[in-house]
Amino acid sequence: MLFFITTKAHDSYGLWCNGRLTLEDGEVIEGEINYDLKFEVVQVRDNGIIRAFTAQSVSQFTLFDPIKFRQRDFIAIEHQLLSGYERKAFFEVIANGQITVLRKSKYIRRPRITEDYRAPHIYLNAVCKHSYFAVKSKELIEIKNFEAQVLPWMARFEQEINHYIEESRLKLKEAHEQVRVVNLYNQLCDNHFKNTQAADLYYLMN
């Protein structure tokens, strides 16, 4: 899935955002974070010292994006390459809950000047390609057909989900519509869990 937008370019050094990074060994580093999407490297600047990390040594990192004006969360997990080998890579967490939606982004060359406001780093003559993945019960799949792959995971609340899709007139072809449905399902699961907990507590107290 490709997204294109043209705005004023950032400087060639990228965009530094306030954030926090957690390494595989549990060390937490806070400061200004620059996520270099092109080279998949995270830099942290603290008291004038810059440290750079690849996904191999990072567990997760969070930054506040001043363009989107919101917090963005990233995790580093094993990802199978086309060659069949696995290596750790950064994924952005788009939705989190019983079903988690992740986004893997990379730059590809284009014969024109473009930008993607969804990425904190802008390169000339390139656009950002996004691939979306869904995770449930530790199963990670790339979303190629949302209705065939992900909707069956929501069978517990099938009636509510179908009603929402119909009322909202969603086509489920765009990522933002798919995320809306996943967020609804996660909320329904959370409410069900809280109600179950409340019922269990009432039983124990009476």
N, C-alpha and C. Protein backbone atom coordinates (compact mmCIF):
# COMPACT_ATOMS: atom_id res chain seq x y z
N MET A 1 0.85 -1.18 0.00
CA MET A 1 0.00 0.00 0.00
C MET A 1 0.89 1.24 0.00
N LEU A 2 0.66 2.18 -0.89
CA LEU A 2 1.50 3.36 -1.02
C LEU A 2 0.70 4.61 -0.67
N PHE A 3 1.40 5.54 0.00
CA PHE A 3 0.79 6.81 0.34
C PHE A 3 1.71 7.91 -0.19
N PHE A 4 1.14 8.93 -0.78
CA PHE A 4 1.96 10.01 -1.32
C PHE A 4 1.43 11.35 -0.81
N ILE A 5 2.37 12.24 -0.45
CA ILE A 5 1.97 13.59 -0.07
C ILE A 5 3.17 14.51 -0.28
N THR A 6 2.94 15.73 -0.68
CA THR A 6 4.02 16.69 -0.90
C THR A 6 3.86 17.85 0.07
N THR A 7 4.91 18.07 0.91
CA THR A 7 4.93 19.18 1.84
C THR A 7 6.33 19.75 1.83
N LYS A 8 6.61 20.72 2.70
CA LYS A 8 7.95 21.29 2.82
C LYS A 8 8.90 20.26 3.41
N ALA A 9 10.05 20.07 2.79
CA ALA A 9 10.99 19.05 3.25
C ALA A 9 11.67 19.45 4.54
N HIS A 10 12.02 18.45 5.37
CA HIS A 10 12.84 18.68 6.54
C HIS A 10 14.28 18.78 6.10
N ASP A 11 15.15 19.24 7.04
CA ASP A 11 16.57 19.29 6.70
C ASP A 11 17.10 17.89 6.53
N SER A 12 18.28 17.80 5.93
CA SER A 12 18.84 16.51 5.57
C SER A 12 19.22 15.66 6.78
N TYR A 13 19.25 16.26 7.96
CA TYR A 13 19.61 15.51 9.15
C TYR A 13 18.41 14.85 9.80
N GLY A 14 17.25 15.05 9.25
CA GLY A 14 16.07 14.39 9.80
C GLY A 14 15.42 15.17 10.92
N LEU A 15 14.45 14.55 11.53
CA LEU A 15 13.67 15.19 12.57
C LEU A 15 13.96 14.55 13.92
N TRP A 16 14.32 15.36 14.90
CA TRP A 16 14.59 14.88 16.26
C TRP A 16 13.35 15.10 17.11
N CYS A 17 12.95 14.05 17.83
CA CYS A 17 11.73 14.10 18.65
C CYS A 17 12.06 13.65 20.07
N ASN A 18 11.34 14.20 21.03
CA ASN A 18 11.50 13.74 22.40
C ASN A 18 10.99 12.31 22.51
N GLY A 19 11.74 11.46 23.22
CA GLY A 19 11.30 10.08 23.31
C GLY A 19 12.10 9.24 24.29
N ARG A 20 11.86 7.96 24.22
CA ARG A 20 12.50 7.00 25.13
C ARG A 20 12.75 5.71 24.39
N LEU A 21 13.90 5.11 24.63
CA LEU A 21 14.29 3.88 23.96
C LEU A 21 14.67 2.84 25.01
N THR A 22 14.21 1.60 24.79
CA THR A 22 14.53 0.50 25.69
C THR A 22 15.35 -0.53 24.94
N LEU A 23 16.53 -0.85 25.47
CA LEU A 23 17.40 -1.83 24.84
C LEU A 23 17.01 -3.25 25.25
N GLU A 24 17.56 -4.22 24.55
CA GLU A 24 17.27 -5.63 24.83
C GLU A 24 17.66 -6.00 26.25
N ASP A 25 18.70 -5.38 26.79
CA ASP A 25 19.14 -5.72 28.14
C ASP A 25 18.36 -4.99 29.22
N GLY A 26 17.34 -4.22 28.82
CA GLY A 26 16.50 -3.51 29.78
C GLY A 26 16.90 -2.08 30.05
N GLU A 27 18.05 -1.65 29.55
CA GLU A 27 18.47 -0.27 29.76
C GLU A 27 17.52 0.69 29.05
N VAL A 28 17.11 1.74 29.75
CA VAL A 28 16.20 2.74 29.20
C VAL A 28 16.98 4.04 28.99
N ILE A 29 16.89 4.59 27.79
CA ILE A 29 17.58 5.82 27.44
C ILE A 29 16.54 6.86 27.03
N GLU A 30 16.57 8.03 27.65
CA GLU A 30 15.65 9.10 27.31
C GLU A 30 16.42 10.26 26.70
N GLY A 31 15.77 10.96 25.80
CA GLY A 31 16.41 12.11 25.16
C GLY A 31 15.71 12.42 23.86
N GLU A 32 16.43 13.02 22.94
CA GLU A 32 15.89 13.30 21.61
C GLU A 32 16.18 12.11 20.70
N ILE A 33 15.15 11.67 20.01
CA ILE A 33 15.28 10.47 19.16
C ILE A 33 15.11 10.84 17.69
N ASN A 34 15.97 10.27 16.88
CA ASN A 34 15.88 10.41 15.43
C ASN A 34 15.81 9.00 14.83
N TYR A 35 14.67 8.67 14.22
CA TYR A 35 14.52 7.36 13.58
C TYR A 35 14.84 7.50 12.11
N ASP A 36 15.98 6.96 11.70
CA ASP A 36 16.39 6.99 10.30
C ASP A 36 15.76 5.80 9.59
N LEU A 37 14.63 6.04 8.98
CA LEU A 37 13.87 4.97 8.35
C LEU A 37 14.62 4.35 7.17
N LYS A 38 15.38 5.18 6.47
CA LYS A 38 16.09 4.68 5.29
C LYS A 38 17.10 3.60 5.66
N PHE A 39 17.82 3.82 6.76
CA PHE A 39 18.85 2.86 7.17
C PHE A 39 18.42 2.03 8.38
N GLU A 40 17.19 2.21 8.86
CA GLU A 40 16.64 1.48 9.99
C GLU A 40 17.58 1.56 11.20
N VAL A 41 17.91 2.78 11.56
CA VAL A 41 18.76 3.04 12.72
C VAL A 41 18.08 4.08 13.59
N VAL A 42 18.12 3.87 14.90
CA VAL A 42 17.58 4.83 15.85
C VAL A 42 18.75 5.52 16.55
N GLN A 43 18.74 6.85 16.52
CA GLN A 43 19.75 7.62 17.22
C GLN A 43 19.12 8.32 18.42
N VAL A 44 19.85 8.35 19.53
CA VAL A 44 19.38 9.03 20.73
C VAL A 44 20.42 10.09 21.10
N ARG A 45 19.97 11.33 21.25
CA ARG A 45 20.85 12.43 21.60
C ARG A 45 20.53 12.90 23.01
N ASP A 46 21.51 12.79 23.90
CA ASP A 46 21.31 13.17 25.30
C ASP A 46 22.57 13.89 25.78
N ASN A 47 22.39 15.16 26.22
CA ASN A 47 23.51 15.97 26.70
C ASN A 47 24.64 16.07 25.66
N GLY A 48 24.25 16.20 24.40
CA GLY A 48 25.22 16.37 23.34
C GLY A 48 25.86 15.10 22.84
N ILE A 49 25.52 13.97 23.45
CA ILE A 49 26.08 12.68 23.04
C ILE A 49 25.05 11.93 22.20
N ILE A 50 25.47 11.46 21.02
CA ILE A 50 24.57 10.72 20.13
C ILE A 50 24.97 9.26 20.11
N ARG A 51 23.99 8.39 20.37
CA ARG A 51 24.21 6.94 20.29
C ARG A 51 23.27 6.38 19.24
N ALA A 52 23.78 5.45 18.45
CA ALA A 52 22.99 4.86 17.35
C ALA A 52 22.77 3.38 17.61
N PHE A 53 21.56 2.90 17.30
CA PHE A 53 21.21 1.51 17.55
C PHE A 53 20.44 0.93 16.36
N THR A 54 20.68 -0.33 16.08
CA THR A 54 19.88 -1.06 15.11
C THR A 54 18.82 -1.87 15.86
N ALA A 55 17.93 -2.50 15.12
CA ALA A 55 16.87 -3.29 15.73
C ALA A 55 17.42 -4.48 16.52
N GLN A 56 18.62 -4.91 16.19
CA GLN A 56 19.20 -6.07 16.86
C GLN A 56 19.40 -5.84 18.36
N SER A 57 19.61 -4.60 18.76
CA SER A 57 19.88 -4.32 20.17
C SER A 57 18.75 -3.57 20.88
N VAL A 58 17.64 -3.33 20.16
CA VAL A 58 16.54 -2.54 20.72
C VAL A 58 15.31 -3.41 20.96
N SER A 59 14.63 -3.15 22.07
CA SER A 59 13.37 -3.82 22.36
C SER A 59 12.20 -2.98 21.85
N GLN A 60 12.22 -1.69 22.18
CA GLN A 60 11.16 -0.79 21.73
C GLN A 60 11.60 0.66 21.90
N PHE A 61 10.92 1.57 21.21
CA PHE A 61 11.15 2.98 21.45
C PHE A 61 9.88 3.77 21.16
N THR A 62 9.79 4.91 21.81
CA THR A 62 8.63 5.78 21.70
C THR A 62 9.11 7.19 21.42
N LEU A 63 8.40 7.89 20.55
CA LEU A 63 8.74 9.28 20.28
C LEU A 63 7.46 10.10 20.12
N PHE A 64 7.59 11.40 20.38
CA PHE A 64 6.45 12.29 20.16
C PHE A 64 6.66 13.00 18.84
N ASP A 65 5.77 12.73 17.89
CA ASP A 65 5.87 13.27 16.54
C ASP A 65 5.22 14.66 16.50
N PRO A 66 6.00 15.73 16.33
CA PRO A 66 5.43 17.08 16.32
C PRO A 66 4.64 17.39 15.05
N ILE A 67 4.82 16.58 14.01
CA ILE A 67 4.05 16.78 12.78
C ILE A 67 2.64 16.22 12.94
N LYS A 68 2.58 14.97 13.40
CA LYS A 68 1.27 14.34 13.65
C LYS A 68 0.71 14.75 15.01
N PHE A 69 1.57 15.34 15.85
CA PHE A 69 1.22 15.78 17.20
C PHE A 69 0.63 14.63 18.02
N ARG A 70 1.35 13.54 18.06
CA ARG A 70 0.94 12.39 18.85
C ARG A 70 2.14 11.49 19.12
N GLN A 71 1.96 10.63 20.10
CA GLN A 71 3.01 9.67 20.42
C GLN A 71 2.97 8.52 19.43
N ARG A 72 4.16 8.06 19.05
CA ARG A 72 4.27 6.92 18.14
C ARG A 72 5.14 5.87 18.81
N ASP A 73 4.67 4.62 18.80
CA ASP A 73 5.36 3.53 19.46
C ASP A 73 5.89 2.54 18.43
N PHE A 74 7.12 2.09 18.64
CA PHE A 74 7.76 1.14 17.74
C PHE A 74 8.31 -0.03 18.56
N ILE A 75 8.27 -1.22 17.97
CA ILE A 75 8.86 -2.38 18.60
C ILE A 75 9.80 -3.05 17.60
N ALA A 76 10.75 -3.81 18.11
CA ALA A 76 11.68 -4.55 17.26
C ALA A 76 11.39 -6.03 17.42
N ILE A 77 11.00 -6.70 16.35
CA ILE A 77 10.67 -8.12 16.40
C ILE A 77 11.28 -8.84 15.20
N GLU A 78 11.35 -10.16 15.31
CA GLU A 78 11.88 -10.96 14.22
C GLU A 78 10.93 -10.91 13.03
N HIS A 79 11.51 -10.74 11.86
CA HIS A 79 10.72 -10.62 10.64
C HIS A 79 11.36 -11.47 9.55
N GLN A 80 10.56 -12.30 8.90
CA GLN A 80 11.09 -13.17 7.86
C GLN A 80 11.27 -12.41 6.55
N LEU A 81 12.46 -12.49 6.00
CA LEU A 81 12.76 -11.83 4.74
C LEU A 81 12.33 -12.71 3.57
N LEU A 82 12.33 -12.13 2.37
CA LEU A 82 11.95 -12.89 1.19
C LEU A 82 12.90 -14.07 0.96
N SER A 83 14.12 -13.92 1.43
CA SER A 83 15.11 -14.99 1.27
C SER A 83 14.82 -16.18 2.18
N GLY A 84 13.90 -15.98 3.13
CA GLY A 84 13.58 -17.05 4.07
C GLY A 84 14.25 -16.90 5.41
N TYR A 85 15.26 -16.03 5.48
CA TYR A 85 15.95 -15.78 6.74
C TYR A 85 15.15 -14.81 7.59
N GLU A 86 15.40 -14.82 8.90
CA GLU A 86 14.73 -13.90 9.81
C GLU A 86 15.75 -12.93 10.40
N ARG A 87 15.31 -11.71 10.60
CA ARG A 87 16.13 -10.72 11.30
C ARG A 87 15.19 -9.75 12.00
N LYS A 88 15.70 -9.11 13.03
CA LYS A 88 14.88 -8.16 13.75
C LYS A 88 14.71 -6.88 12.93
N ALA A 89 13.52 -6.33 13.00
CA ALA A 89 13.22 -5.10 12.27
C ALA A 89 12.25 -4.27 13.10
N PHE A 90 12.20 -2.97 12.79
CA PHE A 90 11.31 -2.07 13.51
C PHE A 90 9.92 -2.07 12.89
N PHE A 91 8.91 -2.15 13.74
CA PHE A 91 7.51 -2.05 13.32
C PHE A 91 6.84 -0.97 14.17
N GLU A 92 5.99 -0.17 13.56
CA GLU A 92 5.21 0.80 14.33
C GLU A 92 3.91 0.15 14.78
N VAL A 93 3.55 0.37 16.04
CA VAL A 93 2.32 -0.19 16.59
C VAL A 93 1.17 0.76 16.24
N ILE A 94 0.25 0.28 15.40
CA ILE A 94 -0.87 1.09 14.93
C ILE A 94 -2.11 0.85 15.79
N ALA A 95 -2.32 -0.37 16.22
CA ALA A 95 -3.42 -0.71 17.12
C ALA A 95 -2.90 -1.79 18.06
N ASN A 96 -3.36 -1.75 19.31
CA ASN A 96 -2.85 -2.68 20.30
C ASN A 96 -3.98 -3.26 21.13
N GLY A 97 -3.99 -4.56 21.29
CA GLY A 97 -5.04 -5.21 22.07
C GLY A 97 -5.07 -6.69 21.79
N GLN A 98 -6.26 -7.29 21.85
CA GLN A 98 -6.39 -8.71 21.50
C GLN A 98 -5.88 -8.97 20.09
N ILE A 99 -6.12 -8.00 19.22
CA ILE A 99 -5.52 -8.01 17.88
C ILE A 99 -4.64 -6.77 17.78
N THR A 100 -3.39 -6.96 17.41
CA THR A 100 -2.46 -5.84 17.25
C THR A 100 -2.17 -5.65 15.77
N VAL A 101 -2.16 -4.39 15.36
CA VAL A 101 -1.82 -4.06 13.97
C VAL A 101 -0.47 -3.35 13.97
N LEU A 102 0.45 -3.86 13.18
CA LEU A 102 1.78 -3.28 13.05
C LEU A 102 1.99 -2.79 11.63
N ARG A 103 2.87 -1.80 11.51
CA ARG A 103 3.19 -1.27 10.19
C ARG A 103 4.70 -1.31 9.98
N LYS A 104 5.10 -1.90 8.86
CA LYS A 104 6.52 -1.92 8.47
C LYS A 104 6.68 -0.96 7.31
N SER A 105 7.61 -0.03 7.46
CA SER A 105 7.77 1.01 6.43
C SER A 105 9.17 0.99 5.85
N LYS A 106 9.26 1.33 4.59
CA LYS A 106 10.58 1.47 3.97
C LYS A 106 10.47 2.44 2.80
N TYR A 107 11.58 3.07 2.47
CA TYR A 107 11.61 4.00 1.35
C TYR A 107 11.95 3.26 0.06
N ILE A 108 11.27 3.65 -1.00
CA ILE A 108 11.58 3.14 -2.32
C ILE A 108 11.79 4.35 -3.25
N ARG A 109 12.64 4.18 -4.21
CA ARG A 109 12.98 5.29 -5.09
C ARG A 109 11.83 5.60 -6.06
N ARG A 110 11.65 6.89 -6.32
CA ARG A 110 10.65 7.35 -7.28
C ARG A 110 11.29 8.42 -8.15
N PRO A 111 10.83 8.57 -9.40
CA PRO A 111 11.44 9.57 -10.29
C PRO A 111 10.88 10.97 -10.09
N ARG A 112 10.48 11.30 -8.86
CA ARG A 112 9.99 12.64 -8.60
C ARG A 112 10.20 12.95 -7.12
N ILE A 113 10.07 14.22 -6.77
CA ILE A 113 10.24 14.63 -5.37
C ILE A 113 8.93 14.42 -4.63
N THR A 114 8.94 13.59 -3.62
CA THR A 114 7.74 13.31 -2.85
C THR A 114 8.09 13.24 -1.37
N GLU A 115 7.07 13.27 -0.55
CA GLU A 115 7.26 13.12 0.88
C GLU A 115 6.11 12.32 1.47
N ASP A 116 6.34 11.77 2.59
CA ASP A 116 5.28 11.03 3.31
C ASP A 116 5.22 11.57 4.72
N TYR A 117 4.11 12.23 5.09
CA TYR A 117 4.01 12.84 6.40
C TYR A 117 3.92 11.80 7.51
N ARG A 118 3.68 10.52 7.16
CA ARG A 118 3.56 9.49 8.19
C ARG A 118 4.94 9.06 8.72
N ALA A 119 5.99 9.41 7.98
CA ALA A 119 7.33 9.01 8.41
C ALA A 119 8.05 10.23 8.97
N PRO A 120 8.83 10.06 10.02
CA PRO A 120 9.53 11.21 10.62
C PRO A 120 10.77 11.64 9.85
N HIS A 121 11.10 10.95 8.77
CA HIS A 121 12.31 11.23 8.01
C HIS A 121 11.93 11.32 6.54
N ILE A 122 12.37 12.38 5.86
CA ILE A 122 11.98 12.61 4.47
C ILE A 122 13.20 12.52 3.55
N TYR A 123 13.04 11.85 2.42
CA TYR A 123 14.11 11.75 1.44
C TYR A 123 13.57 12.18 0.08
N LEU A 124 14.41 12.90 -0.65
CA LEU A 124 14.02 13.32 -1.99
C LEU A 124 14.04 12.12 -2.93
N ASN A 125 13.17 12.20 -3.95
CA ASN A 125 13.07 11.15 -4.96
C ASN A 125 12.74 9.79 -4.35
N ALA A 126 11.97 9.79 -3.30
CA ALA A 126 11.58 8.53 -2.65
C ALA A 126 10.20 8.67 -2.05
N VAL A 127 9.52 7.55 -1.93
CA VAL A 127 8.23 7.51 -1.24
C VAL A 127 8.30 6.39 -0.22
N CYS A 128 7.38 6.45 0.71
CA CYS A 128 7.38 5.46 1.78
C CYS A 128 6.33 4.40 1.50
N LYS A 129 6.76 3.16 1.48
CA LYS A 129 5.85 2.04 1.28
C LYS A 129 5.54 1.42 2.63
N HIS A 130 4.25 1.23 2.90
CA HIS A 130 3.82 0.65 4.17
C HIS A 130 3.24 -0.74 3.95
N SER A 131 3.68 -1.68 4.75
CA SER A 131 3.08 -3.01 4.79
C SER A 131 2.47 -3.19 6.18
N TYR A 132 1.26 -3.74 6.23
CA TYR A 132 0.56 -3.89 7.50
C TYR A 132 0.49 -5.35 7.90
N PHE A 133 0.64 -5.57 9.20
CA PHE A 133 0.64 -6.91 9.76
C PHE A 133 -0.35 -6.96 10.93
N ALA A 134 -0.90 -8.14 11.15
CA ALA A 134 -1.81 -8.35 12.29
C ALA A 134 -1.23 -9.44 13.17
N VAL A 135 -1.40 -9.27 14.48
CA VAL A 135 -0.90 -10.24 15.45
C VAL A 135 -2.03 -10.63 16.39
N LYS A 136 -2.24 -11.93 16.55
CA LYS A 136 -3.21 -12.44 17.52
C LYS A 136 -2.70 -13.78 18.02
N SER A 137 -2.66 -13.91 19.35
CA SER A 137 -2.16 -15.15 19.96
C SER A 137 -0.78 -15.52 19.41
N LYS A 138 0.08 -14.51 19.31
CA LYS A 138 1.46 -14.66 18.87
C LYS A 138 1.61 -15.05 17.40
N GLU A 139 0.52 -15.02 16.64
CA GLU A 139 0.59 -15.32 15.20
C GLU A 139 0.69 -14.01 14.44
N LEU A 140 1.74 -13.87 13.64
CA LEU A 140 1.98 -12.66 12.86
C LEU A 140 1.72 -12.95 11.39
N ILE A 141 0.84 -12.18 10.77
CA ILE A 141 0.55 -12.35 9.35
C ILE A 141 0.59 -10.99 8.66
N GLU A 142 1.03 -10.98 7.42
CA GLU A 142 0.94 -9.75 6.64
C GLU A 142 -0.47 -9.66 6.07
N ILE A 143 -1.07 -8.50 6.22
CA ILE A 143 -2.46 -8.32 5.78
C ILE A 143 -2.50 -8.09 4.28
N LYS A 144 -2.99 -9.08 3.57
CA LYS A 144 -3.19 -8.96 2.13
C LYS A 144 -4.68 -8.82 1.81
N ASN A 145 -5.49 -9.53 2.59
CA ASN A 145 -6.95 -9.50 2.42
C ASN A 145 -7.56 -9.46 3.81
N PHE A 146 -7.91 -8.27 4.27
CA PHE A 146 -8.38 -8.07 5.64
C PHE A 146 -9.61 -8.91 5.96
N GLU A 147 -10.56 -8.93 5.02
CA GLU A 147 -11.81 -9.66 5.28
C GLU A 147 -11.59 -11.17 5.41
N ALA A 148 -10.66 -11.69 4.63
CA ALA A 148 -10.41 -13.13 4.67
C ALA A 148 -9.46 -13.53 5.79
N GLN A 149 -8.53 -12.64 6.14
CA GLN A 149 -7.50 -13.00 7.11
C GLN A 149 -7.82 -12.57 8.54
N VAL A 150 -8.33 -11.35 8.71
CA VAL A 150 -8.46 -10.77 10.05
C VAL A 150 -9.89 -10.84 10.60
N LEU A 151 -10.87 -10.59 9.76
CA LEU A 151 -12.26 -10.63 10.24
C LEU A 151 -12.62 -11.95 10.92
N PRO A 152 -12.17 -13.11 10.42
CA PRO A 152 -12.50 -14.37 11.11
C PRO A 152 -11.99 -14.42 12.55
N TRP A 153 -10.97 -13.63 12.87
CA TRP A 153 -10.47 -13.58 14.25
C TRP A 153 -11.45 -12.90 15.19
N MET A 154 -12.45 -12.22 14.63
CA MET A 154 -13.38 -11.43 15.43
C MET A 154 -14.72 -12.12 15.61
N ALA A 155 -14.75 -13.43 15.42
CA ALA A 155 -16.01 -14.17 15.45
C ALA A 155 -16.77 -14.00 16.77
N ARG A 156 -16.05 -13.76 17.86
CA ARG A 156 -16.71 -13.62 19.17
C ARG A 156 -17.72 -12.48 19.16
N PHE A 157 -17.41 -11.40 18.43
CA PHE A 157 -18.32 -10.26 18.37
C PHE A 157 -18.73 -10.00 16.91
N GLU A 158 -19.00 -11.06 16.20
CA GLU A 158 -19.32 -10.95 14.78
C GLU A 158 -20.51 -10.03 14.52
N GLN A 159 -21.56 -10.15 15.31
CA GLN A 159 -22.76 -9.34 15.09
C GLN A 159 -22.46 -7.85 15.26
N GLU A 160 -21.76 -7.50 16.34
CA GLU A 160 -21.44 -6.10 16.59
C GLU A 160 -20.51 -5.53 15.52
N ILE A 161 -19.53 -6.34 15.12
CA ILE A 161 -18.58 -5.89 14.10
C ILE A 161 -19.28 -5.66 12.76
N ASN A 162 -20.10 -6.61 12.35
CA ASN A 162 -20.81 -6.47 11.07
C ASN A 162 -21.75 -5.28 11.08
N HIS A 163 -22.40 -5.05 12.21
CA HIS A 163 -23.30 -3.89 12.33
C HIS A 163 -22.53 -2.58 12.18
N TYR A 164 -21.38 -2.52 12.82
CA TYR A 164 -20.55 -1.31 12.74
C TYR A 164 -20.07 -1.06 11.31
N ILE A 165 -19.63 -2.12 10.64
CA ILE A 165 -19.15 -1.99 9.27
C ILE A 165 -20.27 -1.49 8.36
N GLU A 166 -21.45 -2.04 8.55
CA GLU A 166 -22.59 -1.65 7.71
C GLU A 166 -23.03 -0.21 8.00
N GLU A 167 -23.14 0.13 9.29
CA GLU A 167 -23.58 1.48 9.66
C GLU A 167 -22.58 2.54 9.23
N SER A 168 -21.31 2.22 9.28
CA SER A 168 -20.26 3.18 8.92
C SER A 168 -19.93 3.15 7.43
N ARG A 169 -20.53 2.21 6.71
CA ARG A 169 -20.33 2.07 5.28
C ARG A 169 -18.85 1.90 4.94
N LEU A 170 -18.21 1.02 5.67
CA LEU A 170 -16.79 0.78 5.46
C LEU A 170 -16.58 -0.24 4.35
N LYS A 171 -15.61 0.02 3.50
CA LYS A 171 -15.27 -0.91 2.41
C LYS A 171 -14.15 -1.86 2.82
N LEU A 172 -13.42 -1.49 3.87
CA LEU A 172 -12.33 -2.30 4.42
C LEU A 172 -11.18 -2.52 3.43
N LYS A 173 -11.04 -1.58 2.50
CA LYS A 173 -9.93 -1.66 1.55
C LYS A 173 -8.76 -0.79 1.98
N GLU A 174 -9.05 0.24 2.79
CA GLU A 174 -8.02 1.16 3.24
C GLU A 174 -7.60 0.80 4.66
N ALA A 175 -6.32 1.04 4.95
CA ALA A 175 -5.77 0.67 6.26
C ALA A 175 -6.49 1.38 7.40
N HIS A 176 -6.85 2.66 7.22
CA HIS A 176 -7.48 3.39 8.32
C HIS A 176 -8.85 2.82 8.66
N GLU A 177 -9.57 2.28 7.67
CA GLU A 177 -10.85 1.64 7.96
C GLU A 177 -10.65 0.32 8.68
N GLN A 178 -9.65 -0.42 8.28
CA GLN A 178 -9.36 -1.69 8.92
C GLN A 178 -8.97 -1.48 10.38
N VAL A 179 -8.19 -0.45 10.64
CA VAL A 179 -7.77 -0.16 12.01
C VAL A 179 -8.97 0.24 12.87
N ARG A 180 -9.92 0.95 12.30
CA ARG A 180 -11.13 1.31 13.05
C ARG A 180 -11.86 0.06 13.53
N VAL A 181 -11.95 -0.94 12.66
CA VAL A 181 -12.63 -2.18 13.03
C VAL A 181 -11.84 -2.94 14.09
N VAL A 182 -10.54 -2.98 13.95
CA VAL A 182 -9.71 -3.66 14.94
C VAL A 182 -9.82 -2.97 16.29
N ASN A 183 -9.81 -1.64 16.31
CA ASN A 183 -9.95 -0.90 17.56
C ASN A 183 -11.29 -1.19 18.23
N LEU A 184 -12.35 -1.30 17.43
CA LEU A 184 -13.66 -1.63 17.99
C LEU A 184 -13.63 -3.01 18.62
N TYR A 185 -13.07 -3.97 17.91
CA TYR A 185 -12.99 -5.33 18.45
C TYR A 185 -12.20 -5.37 19.75
N ASN A 186 -11.08 -4.67 19.79
CA ASN A 186 -10.28 -4.64 21.00
C ASN A 186 -11.04 -4.01 22.16
N GLN A 187 -11.81 -2.97 21.86
CA GLN A 187 -12.61 -2.33 22.91
C GLN A 187 -13.70 -3.27 23.42
N LEU A 188 -14.35 -4.00 22.52
CA LEU A 188 -15.36 -4.96 22.92
C LEU A 188 -14.75 -6.06 23.79
N CYS A 189 -13.56 -6.49 23.45
CA CYS A 189 -12.87 -7.51 24.25
C CYS A 189 -12.53 -6.96 25.63
N ASP A 190 -12.05 -5.71 25.68
CA ASP A 190 -11.72 -5.10 26.97
C ASP A 190 -12.95 -4.98 27.86
N ASN A 191 -14.07 -4.53 27.28
CA ASN A 191 -15.30 -4.39 28.04
C ASN A 191 -15.79 -5.74 28.55
N HIS A 192 -15.70 -6.75 27.71
CA HIS A 192 -16.12 -8.09 28.09
C HIS A 192 -15.27 -8.61 29.25
N PHE A 193 -13.96 -8.37 29.16
CA PHE A 193 -13.05 -8.83 30.21
C PHE A 193 -13.34 -8.13 31.53
N LYS A 194 -13.58 -6.80 31.47
CA LYS A 194 -13.88 -6.05 32.69
C LYS A 194 -15.19 -6.51 33.31
N ASN A 195 -16.19 -6.76 32.47
CA ASN A 195 -17.48 -7.23 32.98
C ASN A 195 -17.34 -8.61 33.60
N THR A 196 -16.53 -9.46 32.99
CA THR A 196 -16.30 -10.80 33.54
C THR A 196 -15.60 -10.71 34.88
N GLN A 197 -14.62 -9.82 34.98
CA GLN A 197 -13.92 -9.62 36.24
C GLN A 197 -14.88 -9.14 37.31
N ALA A 198 -15.74 -8.18 36.94
CA ALA A 198 -16.71 -7.64 37.91
C ALA A 198 -17.66 -8.72 38.40
N ALA A 199 -18.10 -9.59 37.48
CA ALA A 199 -19.01 -10.67 37.84
C ALA A 199 -18.32 -11.66 38.78
N ASP A 200 -17.06 -11.97 38.49
CA ASP A 200 -16.30 -12.88 39.35
C ASP A 200 -16.12 -12.29 40.74
N LEU A 201 -15.82 -10.98 40.80
CA LEU A 201 -15.63 -10.33 42.08
C LEU A 201 -16.92 -10.32 42.88
N TYR A 202 -18.05 -10.04 42.22
CA TYR A 202 -19.35 -10.02 42.91
C TYR A 202 -19.65 -11.41 43.49
N TYR A 203 -19.33 -12.45 42.72
CA TYR A 203 -19.56 -13.83 43.17
C TYR A 203 -18.74 -14.14 44.41
N LEU A 204 -17.48 -13.67 44.42
CA LEU A 204 -16.60 -13.94 45.55
C LEU A 204 -17.02 -13.18 46.81
N MET A 205 -17.62 -12.03 46.62
CA MET A 205 -17.99 -11.17 47.76
C MET A 205 -19.37 -11.50 48.31
N ASN A 206 -20.11 -12.34 47.63
CA ASN A 206 -21.50 -12.62 48.08
C ASN A 206 -21.71 -14.12 48.27
